[in-house]
N, C-alpha and C. Protein backbone atom coordinates (compact mmCIF):
# COMPACT_ATOMS: atom_id res chain seq x y z
N MET A 1 1.86 -182.72 115.69
CA MET A 1 0.86 -183.03 116.68
C MET A 1 -0.53 -182.82 116.07
N ALA A 2 -1.40 -183.80 116.24
CA ALA A 2 -2.74 -183.74 115.66
C ALA A 2 -3.59 -182.72 116.41
N PRO A 3 -4.46 -182.01 115.70
CA PRO A 3 -5.33 -181.04 116.37
C PRO A 3 -6.35 -181.77 117.25
N GLU A 4 -6.81 -181.09 118.27
CA GLU A 4 -7.84 -181.66 119.14
C GLU A 4 -9.12 -181.84 118.33
N PRO A 5 -9.85 -182.94 118.55
CA PRO A 5 -11.09 -183.14 117.80
C PRO A 5 -12.16 -182.15 118.25
N GLU A 6 -13.07 -181.83 117.32
CA GLU A 6 -14.21 -181.00 117.69
C GLU A 6 -15.08 -181.80 118.64
N THR A 7 -15.67 -181.10 119.61
CA THR A 7 -16.49 -181.78 120.62
C THR A 7 -17.86 -181.13 120.72
N MET A 8 -18.74 -181.81 121.44
CA MET A 8 -20.07 -181.27 121.74
C MET A 8 -20.38 -181.56 123.20
N PRO A 9 -21.13 -180.66 123.85
CA PRO A 9 -21.49 -180.92 125.25
C PRO A 9 -22.65 -181.92 125.32
N ILE A 10 -22.48 -182.91 126.19
CA ILE A 10 -23.50 -183.92 126.46
C ILE A 10 -23.68 -184.00 127.97
N SER A 11 -24.92 -183.99 128.44
CA SER A 11 -25.20 -184.17 129.86
C SER A 11 -25.40 -185.65 130.12
N VAL A 12 -24.74 -186.16 131.15
CA VAL A 12 -24.85 -187.58 131.50
C VAL A 12 -25.14 -187.69 132.99
N ASP A 13 -26.18 -188.44 133.34
CA ASP A 13 -26.52 -188.70 134.73
C ASP A 13 -26.40 -190.19 135.00
N PHE A 14 -25.94 -190.50 136.22
CA PHE A 14 -25.82 -191.89 136.67
C PHE A 14 -26.66 -192.04 137.92
N LEU A 15 -27.68 -192.91 137.85
CA LEU A 15 -28.62 -193.10 138.95
C LEU A 15 -28.65 -194.55 139.40
N GLY A 16 -29.28 -194.79 140.55
CA GLY A 16 -29.42 -196.14 141.06
C GLY A 16 -28.12 -196.74 141.56
N GLY A 17 -27.20 -195.90 142.00
CA GLY A 17 -25.92 -196.37 142.51
C GLY A 17 -24.79 -196.31 141.51
N LEU A 18 -25.08 -196.07 140.23
CA LEU A 18 -24.01 -196.01 139.23
C LEU A 18 -23.06 -194.85 139.46
N ASP A 19 -23.53 -193.82 140.18
CA ASP A 19 -22.67 -192.68 140.46
C ASP A 19 -21.40 -193.08 141.21
N THR A 20 -21.48 -194.18 141.98
CA THR A 20 -20.29 -194.62 142.72
C THR A 20 -19.16 -195.06 141.79
N LEU A 21 -19.50 -195.40 140.57
CA LEU A 21 -18.49 -195.79 139.59
C LEU A 21 -17.84 -194.58 138.92
N PHE A 22 -18.50 -193.44 139.04
CA PHE A 22 -18.07 -192.23 138.34
C PHE A 22 -17.82 -191.10 139.34
N SER A 23 -16.83 -191.30 140.20
CA SER A 23 -16.38 -190.29 141.17
C SER A 23 -17.48 -189.85 142.12
N ASN A 24 -18.45 -190.73 142.40
CA ASN A 24 -19.55 -190.40 143.31
C ASN A 24 -20.28 -189.13 142.90
N THR A 25 -20.37 -188.91 141.61
CA THR A 25 -21.04 -187.72 141.08
C THR A 25 -22.17 -188.17 140.17
N THR A 26 -23.37 -187.67 140.45
CA THR A 26 -24.54 -188.07 139.68
C THR A 26 -24.57 -187.44 138.30
N SER A 27 -24.34 -186.13 138.23
CA SER A 27 -24.49 -185.40 136.97
C SER A 27 -23.14 -184.95 136.43
N HIS A 28 -22.93 -185.18 135.15
CA HIS A 28 -21.70 -184.79 134.47
C HIS A 28 -22.06 -184.07 133.17
N THR A 29 -21.29 -183.08 132.81
CA THR A 29 -21.35 -182.51 131.47
C THR A 29 -20.01 -182.82 130.83
N ILE A 30 -20.04 -183.57 129.75
CA ILE A 30 -18.79 -183.97 129.12
C ILE A 30 -18.68 -183.36 127.72
N SER A 31 -17.46 -183.24 127.28
CA SER A 31 -17.19 -182.78 125.92
C SER A 31 -16.88 -184.01 125.08
N LEU A 32 -17.89 -184.50 124.38
CA LEU A 32 -17.76 -185.72 123.58
C LEU A 32 -17.31 -185.37 122.17
N PRO A 33 -16.27 -186.04 121.65
CA PRO A 33 -15.89 -185.78 120.26
C PRO A 33 -17.08 -185.98 119.31
N LEU A 34 -17.17 -185.12 118.31
CA LEU A 34 -18.27 -185.22 117.34
C LEU A 34 -18.22 -186.51 116.53
N LEU A 35 -17.00 -187.02 116.32
CA LEU A 35 -16.81 -188.22 115.52
C LEU A 35 -16.10 -189.29 116.33
N ASN A 36 -16.50 -190.53 116.11
CA ASN A 36 -15.81 -191.66 116.71
C ASN A 36 -14.46 -191.81 116.01
N PRO A 37 -13.35 -191.66 116.73
CA PRO A 37 -12.05 -191.70 116.06
C PRO A 37 -11.70 -193.05 115.43
N SER A 38 -12.37 -194.12 115.83
CA SER A 38 -12.02 -195.43 115.27
C SER A 38 -12.52 -195.60 113.84
N ASP A 39 -13.64 -194.90 113.48
CA ASP A 39 -14.16 -195.07 112.13
C ASP A 39 -14.72 -193.78 111.53
N SER A 40 -14.53 -192.66 112.20
CA SER A 40 -14.99 -191.34 111.75
C SER A 40 -16.51 -191.24 111.58
N SER A 41 -17.26 -192.15 112.22
CA SER A 41 -18.72 -192.07 112.18
C SER A 41 -19.19 -191.05 113.22
N PRO A 42 -20.40 -190.49 113.04
CA PRO A 42 -20.92 -189.55 114.03
C PRO A 42 -21.03 -190.22 115.41
N ALA A 43 -20.79 -189.44 116.45
CA ALA A 43 -20.87 -189.96 117.82
C ALA A 43 -22.26 -190.51 118.09
N ASN A 44 -22.30 -191.71 118.65
CA ASN A 44 -23.56 -192.33 119.02
C ASN A 44 -23.46 -192.83 120.46
N VAL A 45 -24.51 -193.45 120.96
CA VAL A 45 -24.54 -193.89 122.35
C VAL A 45 -23.49 -194.97 122.60
N GLY A 46 -23.26 -195.86 121.65
CA GLY A 46 -22.22 -196.87 121.81
C GLY A 46 -20.85 -196.24 122.01
N PHE A 47 -20.54 -195.20 121.22
CA PHE A 47 -19.28 -194.48 121.38
C PHE A 47 -19.25 -193.76 122.73
N LEU A 48 -20.38 -193.16 123.13
CA LEU A 48 -20.44 -192.50 124.44
C LEU A 48 -20.10 -193.48 125.55
N ILE A 49 -20.65 -194.68 125.50
CA ILE A 49 -20.38 -195.68 126.54
C ILE A 49 -18.88 -195.99 126.60
N SER A 50 -18.27 -196.25 125.45
CA SER A 50 -16.83 -196.55 125.46
C SER A 50 -16.02 -195.35 125.92
N TYR A 51 -16.44 -194.14 125.55
CA TYR A 51 -15.75 -192.92 125.97
C TYR A 51 -15.85 -192.75 127.48
N LEU A 52 -17.03 -193.01 128.04
CA LEU A 52 -17.20 -192.91 129.49
C LEU A 52 -16.30 -193.91 130.22
N VAL A 53 -16.23 -195.13 129.72
CA VAL A 53 -15.39 -196.14 130.35
C VAL A 53 -13.92 -195.72 130.30
N LYS A 54 -13.48 -195.23 129.17
CA LYS A 54 -12.08 -194.87 128.99
C LYS A 54 -11.68 -193.61 129.76
N HIS A 55 -12.57 -192.62 129.82
CA HIS A 55 -12.19 -191.32 130.35
C HIS A 55 -12.82 -190.93 131.69
N HIS A 56 -13.89 -191.60 132.10
CA HIS A 56 -14.61 -191.14 133.30
C HIS A 56 -14.86 -192.21 134.34
N LEU A 57 -14.84 -193.47 133.99
CA LEU A 57 -15.10 -194.55 134.95
C LEU A 57 -13.91 -194.67 135.88
N LYS A 58 -14.13 -194.41 137.17
CA LYS A 58 -13.04 -194.37 138.15
C LYS A 58 -12.98 -195.62 139.04
N HIS A 59 -13.92 -196.51 138.90
CA HIS A 59 -14.01 -197.69 139.75
C HIS A 59 -13.33 -198.87 139.05
N PRO A 60 -12.58 -199.70 139.79
CA PRO A 60 -11.90 -200.83 139.15
C PRO A 60 -12.83 -201.93 138.64
N ARG A 61 -14.05 -201.99 139.14
CA ARG A 61 -14.99 -203.04 138.75
C ARG A 61 -15.85 -202.57 137.58
N THR A 62 -15.24 -202.49 136.40
CA THR A 62 -15.94 -201.99 135.22
C THR A 62 -17.14 -202.85 134.85
N GLU A 63 -17.15 -204.12 135.28
CA GLU A 63 -18.26 -205.01 134.93
C GLU A 63 -19.59 -204.57 135.55
N PHE A 64 -19.55 -203.64 136.50
CA PHE A 64 -20.80 -203.09 137.03
C PHE A 64 -21.47 -202.16 136.02
N PHE A 65 -20.71 -201.72 135.01
CA PHE A 65 -21.25 -200.82 133.99
C PHE A 65 -21.25 -201.46 132.60
N VAL A 66 -20.15 -202.10 132.22
CA VAL A 66 -20.06 -202.73 130.90
C VAL A 66 -19.55 -204.16 131.02
N GLN A 67 -19.97 -204.98 130.05
CA GLN A 67 -19.47 -206.35 129.96
C GLN A 67 -18.15 -206.34 129.19
N GLY A 68 -17.50 -207.48 129.12
CA GLY A 68 -16.23 -207.59 128.43
C GLY A 68 -16.26 -207.18 126.97
N ASP A 69 -17.43 -207.30 126.32
CA ASP A 69 -17.54 -206.93 124.91
C ASP A 69 -17.85 -205.45 124.71
N GLY A 70 -17.92 -204.70 125.81
CA GLY A 70 -18.17 -203.27 125.72
C GLY A 70 -19.64 -202.87 125.76
N HIS A 71 -20.54 -203.86 125.79
CA HIS A 71 -21.97 -203.56 125.89
C HIS A 71 -22.34 -203.33 127.35
N LEU A 72 -23.39 -202.55 127.56
CA LEU A 72 -23.83 -202.29 128.93
C LEU A 72 -24.18 -203.58 129.65
N THR A 73 -23.92 -203.58 130.94
CA THR A 73 -24.31 -204.69 131.79
C THR A 73 -25.83 -204.77 131.84
N PRO A 74 -26.41 -205.97 131.75
CA PRO A 74 -27.87 -206.10 131.86
C PRO A 74 -28.36 -205.48 133.17
N GLY A 75 -29.54 -204.86 133.12
CA GLY A 75 -30.10 -204.23 134.31
C GLY A 75 -29.85 -202.73 134.36
N ILE A 76 -29.27 -202.17 133.31
CA ILE A 76 -29.08 -200.72 133.25
C ILE A 76 -30.03 -200.17 132.19
N LEU A 77 -30.91 -199.29 132.63
CA LEU A 77 -31.82 -198.60 131.71
C LEU A 77 -31.12 -197.36 131.19
N VAL A 78 -31.40 -197.01 129.96
CA VAL A 78 -30.81 -195.81 129.36
C VAL A 78 -31.93 -194.96 128.80
N LEU A 79 -31.90 -193.69 129.17
CA LEU A 79 -32.84 -192.72 128.63
C LEU A 79 -32.05 -191.68 127.84
N ILE A 80 -32.55 -191.36 126.66
CA ILE A 80 -31.95 -190.33 125.82
C ILE A 80 -32.98 -189.23 125.68
N ASN A 81 -32.69 -188.09 126.26
CA ASN A 81 -33.66 -186.98 126.26
C ASN A 81 -35.03 -187.46 126.75
N GLU A 82 -35.00 -188.23 127.84
CA GLU A 82 -36.19 -188.73 128.54
C GLU A 82 -36.95 -189.82 127.80
N ALA A 83 -36.38 -190.36 126.73
CA ALA A 83 -37.02 -191.46 125.99
C ALA A 83 -36.17 -192.72 126.14
N ASP A 84 -36.83 -193.87 126.27
CA ASP A 84 -36.12 -195.14 126.37
C ASP A 84 -35.26 -195.34 125.13
N TRP A 85 -34.01 -195.71 125.34
CA TRP A 85 -33.08 -195.85 124.21
C TRP A 85 -33.53 -196.93 123.24
N GLU A 86 -34.35 -197.87 123.68
CA GLU A 86 -34.86 -198.90 122.76
C GLU A 86 -35.72 -198.28 121.67
N LEU A 87 -36.33 -197.14 121.96
CA LEU A 87 -37.14 -196.43 120.96
C LEU A 87 -36.28 -195.55 120.07
N GLU A 88 -35.05 -195.32 120.47
CA GLU A 88 -34.16 -194.40 119.76
C GLU A 88 -33.05 -195.10 118.98
N GLY A 89 -33.02 -196.45 119.02
CA GLY A 89 -32.00 -197.18 118.28
C GLY A 89 -30.87 -197.71 119.14
N GLU A 90 -31.04 -197.67 120.46
CA GLU A 90 -30.04 -198.15 121.41
C GLU A 90 -28.67 -197.58 121.11
N GLU A 91 -27.65 -198.42 121.02
CA GLU A 91 -26.27 -197.95 120.87
C GLU A 91 -26.03 -197.18 119.57
N GLU A 92 -26.89 -197.38 118.58
CA GLU A 92 -26.71 -196.72 117.29
C GLU A 92 -27.29 -195.31 117.26
N CYS A 93 -27.99 -194.90 118.29
CA CYS A 93 -28.61 -193.58 118.33
C CYS A 93 -27.54 -192.49 118.27
N GLU A 94 -27.59 -191.66 117.23
CA GLU A 94 -26.63 -190.57 117.10
C GLU A 94 -26.95 -189.47 118.10
N LEU A 95 -25.91 -188.90 118.67
CA LEU A 95 -26.07 -187.85 119.67
C LEU A 95 -25.86 -186.48 119.05
N LYS A 96 -26.51 -185.48 119.65
CA LYS A 96 -26.38 -184.09 119.22
C LYS A 96 -25.97 -183.25 120.43
N ALA A 97 -25.36 -182.11 120.16
CA ALA A 97 -24.97 -181.20 121.23
C ALA A 97 -26.18 -180.90 122.11
N GLY A 98 -25.98 -180.97 123.41
CA GLY A 98 -27.04 -180.67 124.36
C GLY A 98 -27.90 -181.85 124.75
N ASP A 99 -27.70 -183.02 124.14
CA ASP A 99 -28.48 -184.19 124.52
C ASP A 99 -28.22 -184.55 125.98
N LYS A 100 -29.22 -185.19 126.59
CA LYS A 100 -29.09 -185.68 127.96
C LYS A 100 -29.27 -187.19 127.95
N VAL A 101 -28.28 -187.89 128.47
CA VAL A 101 -28.31 -189.35 128.53
C VAL A 101 -28.27 -189.74 130.01
N VAL A 102 -29.22 -190.58 130.42
CA VAL A 102 -29.31 -191.01 131.81
C VAL A 102 -29.17 -192.52 131.86
N PHE A 103 -28.28 -192.99 132.72
CA PHE A 103 -28.08 -194.42 132.97
C PHE A 103 -28.64 -194.72 134.36
N VAL A 104 -29.55 -195.71 134.44
CA VAL A 104 -30.19 -196.05 135.71
C VAL A 104 -29.98 -197.54 135.97
N SER A 105 -29.34 -197.85 137.08
CA SER A 105 -29.19 -199.26 137.45
C SER A 105 -30.47 -199.73 138.11
N THR A 106 -30.95 -200.90 137.69
CA THR A 106 -32.12 -201.50 138.32
C THR A 106 -31.70 -202.64 139.24
N MET A 107 -30.40 -202.86 139.35
CA MET A 107 -29.89 -203.95 140.19
C MET A 107 -29.64 -203.41 141.60
N HIS A 108 -30.22 -204.08 142.56
CA HIS A 108 -30.06 -203.66 143.94
C HIS A 108 -29.65 -204.86 144.79
N GLY A 109 -28.71 -204.64 145.68
CA GLY A 109 -28.31 -205.72 146.59
C GLY A 109 -29.37 -205.90 147.66
N GLY A 110 -29.23 -206.95 148.41
CA GLY A 110 -30.27 -207.11 149.44
C GLY A 110 -30.08 -208.28 150.28
């Protein structure tokens, strides 16, 4: 049996209605593996997104969070430690223990 991977704590918040996809809970602290098991690269935001979908997304309509290719659905803003992820390298931004990642939906029904 393979040993459990080393993990790091990451804070994740879902705002703008995204919490309904994640057990109706806004704030989560997750234990994210330090390395992406598919290629042993350091954990980054792209890996976090796939990890959230696989382990934490409880809603059957995954397209409200990710598209078929695994990229975020348009209209979701991402902040990494209060900075826009576009300034941090988007999905390639490597994460560190204690980082805070916030997903905010800008899509509203009406």
